[in-house]
Amino acid sequence: MDSEQKSEQESEQESEQESEQESEQESEQESEQESEQESEQESEQESEQKTKIPLKPDGNNRKIMKLMAEGGMDKAVLQMFVRPGDGGRMSYSEMRSYYG
């Protein structure tokens, strides 16, 4: 083999190695993008699950909704500040823990 043939072979080998490296880098970038998309989808699903409103209100909310329908909003709001367990007066934060 003469020196020209050796140079050509070396150039070909270098080109092949560069191509392989580029392919590996592209593959890594694609897998990174896929995992980012998957994590975004998971976080969207988690937030949807956290914000779901129950289809049926619990007992306390049901009573207030009934009072609201029958007696009006004013009576319902007054009743919201009455503690369901013992009938005592509730603070605003306590009321929110019961009725949201």
Protein backbone atom coordinates (compact mmCIF):
# COMPACT_ATOMS: atom_id res chain seq x y z
CA MET A 1 0.00 0.00 0.00
CA ASP A 2 1.21 3.40 -0.74
CA SER A 3 0.78 6.41 1.50
CA GLU A 4 -2.21 7.75 -0.45
CA GLN A 5 -4.21 4.56 0.12
CA LYS A 6 -3.35 4.62 3.82
CA SER A 7 -4.47 8.22 4.08
CA GLU A 8 -7.74 7.41 2.32
CA GLN A 9 -8.41 4.50 4.68
CA GLU A 10 -7.65 6.62 7.72
CA SER A 11 -9.95 9.36 6.43
CA GLU A 12 -12.74 6.84 5.86
CA GLN A 13 -12.31 5.43 9.36
CA GLU A 14 -12.39 8.91 10.87
CA SER A 15 -15.55 9.73 8.91
CA GLU A 16 -17.21 6.54 10.11
CA GLN A 17 -16.30 7.30 13.72
CA GLU A 18 -17.65 10.84 13.42
CA SER A 19 -20.89 9.52 11.93
CA GLU A 20 -21.27 7.04 14.77
CA GLN A 21 -20.68 9.76 17.36
CA GLU A 22 -23.23 12.04 15.71
CA SER A 23 -25.78 9.20 15.64
CA GLU A 24 -25.18 8.52 19.34
CA GLN A 25 -25.60 12.19 20.20
CA GLU A 26 -28.83 12.42 18.21
CA SER A 27 -30.14 9.30 19.92
CA GLU A 28 -29.31 10.73 23.36
CA GLN A 29 -31.07 14.00 22.53
CA GLU A 30 -34.16 12.16 21.34
CA SER A 31 -34.34 10.08 24.50
CA GLU A 32 -33.92 13.21 26.65
CA GLN A 33 -36.78 14.89 24.79
CA GLU A 34 -38.97 11.82 25.22
CA SER A 35 -38.33 11.64 28.96
CA GLU A 36 -39.09 15.38 29.30
CA GLN A 37 -42.39 14.88 27.48
CA GLU A 38 -43.24 11.90 29.69
CA SER A 39 -42.57 13.85 32.88
CA GLU A 40 -44.69 16.77 31.61
CA GLN A 41 -47.56 14.39 30.90
CA GLU A 42 -47.22 12.81 34.36
CA SER A 43 -47.27 16.19 36.09
CA GLU A 44 -50.36 17.22 34.10
CA GLN A 45 -52.11 14.01 35.15
CA GLU A 46 -51.15 14.58 38.80
CA SER A 47 -52.49 18.13 38.79
CA GLU A 48 -55.73 16.95 37.16
CA GLN A 49 -56.16 14.36 39.90
CA LYS A 50 -55.52 16.94 42.63
CA THR A 51 -58.07 19.41 41.26
CA LYS A 52 -60.94 17.01 40.72
CA ILE A 53 -64.13 18.06 42.46
CA PRO A 54 -66.09 15.27 44.11
CA LEU A 55 -69.25 14.34 42.23
CA LYS A 56 -71.31 14.26 45.42
CA PRO A 57 -70.78 16.74 48.26
CA ASP A 58 -70.06 15.38 51.74
CA GLY A 59 -72.63 15.55 54.54
CA ASN A 60 -71.82 19.05 55.80
CA ASN A 61 -71.75 20.55 52.31
CA ARG A 62 -74.96 18.75 51.38
CA LYS A 63 -76.78 20.27 54.37
CA ILE A 64 -75.56 23.76 53.49
CA MET A 65 -76.55 23.32 49.84
CA LYS A 66 -80.02 22.24 50.88
CA LEU A 67 -80.34 25.23 53.25
CA MET A 68 -79.12 27.53 50.47
CA ALA A 69 -81.78 26.20 48.10
CA GLU A 70 -84.58 26.39 50.66
CA GLY A 71 -83.68 29.40 52.80
CA GLY A 72 -81.34 31.49 50.66
CA MET A 73 -77.70 32.41 50.71
CA ASP A 74 -77.82 34.52 53.90
CA LYS A 75 -79.12 31.66 56.04
CA ALA A 76 -76.62 29.26 54.49
CA VAL A 77 -73.68 31.56 55.21
CA LEU A 78 -74.79 32.04 58.84
CA GLN A 79 -75.09 28.27 59.25
CA MET A 80 -71.61 27.77 57.77
CA PHE A 81 -70.13 29.45 60.84
CA VAL A 82 -71.87 27.02 63.23
CA ARG A 83 -69.66 24.04 64.11
CA PRO A 84 -71.42 20.83 62.98
CA GLY A 85 -70.26 18.76 65.97
CA ASP A 86 -71.26 20.92 68.95
CA GLY A 87 -73.07 23.93 67.49
CA GLY A 88 -70.37 26.39 68.66
CA ARG A 89 -69.20 29.38 66.64
CA MET A 90 -66.39 28.74 64.14
CA SER A 91 -63.64 31.05 62.95
CA TYR A 92 -63.29 31.80 59.28
CA SER A 93 -60.39 29.35 58.88
CA GLU A 94 -62.35 26.61 60.64
CA MET A 95 -65.31 27.24 58.36
CA ARG A 96 -63.04 26.98 55.31
CA SER A 97 -61.70 23.64 56.53
CA TYR A 98 -65.27 22.32 56.54
CA TYR A 99 -66.64 23.99 53.42
CA GLY A 100 -63.60 24.85 51.32
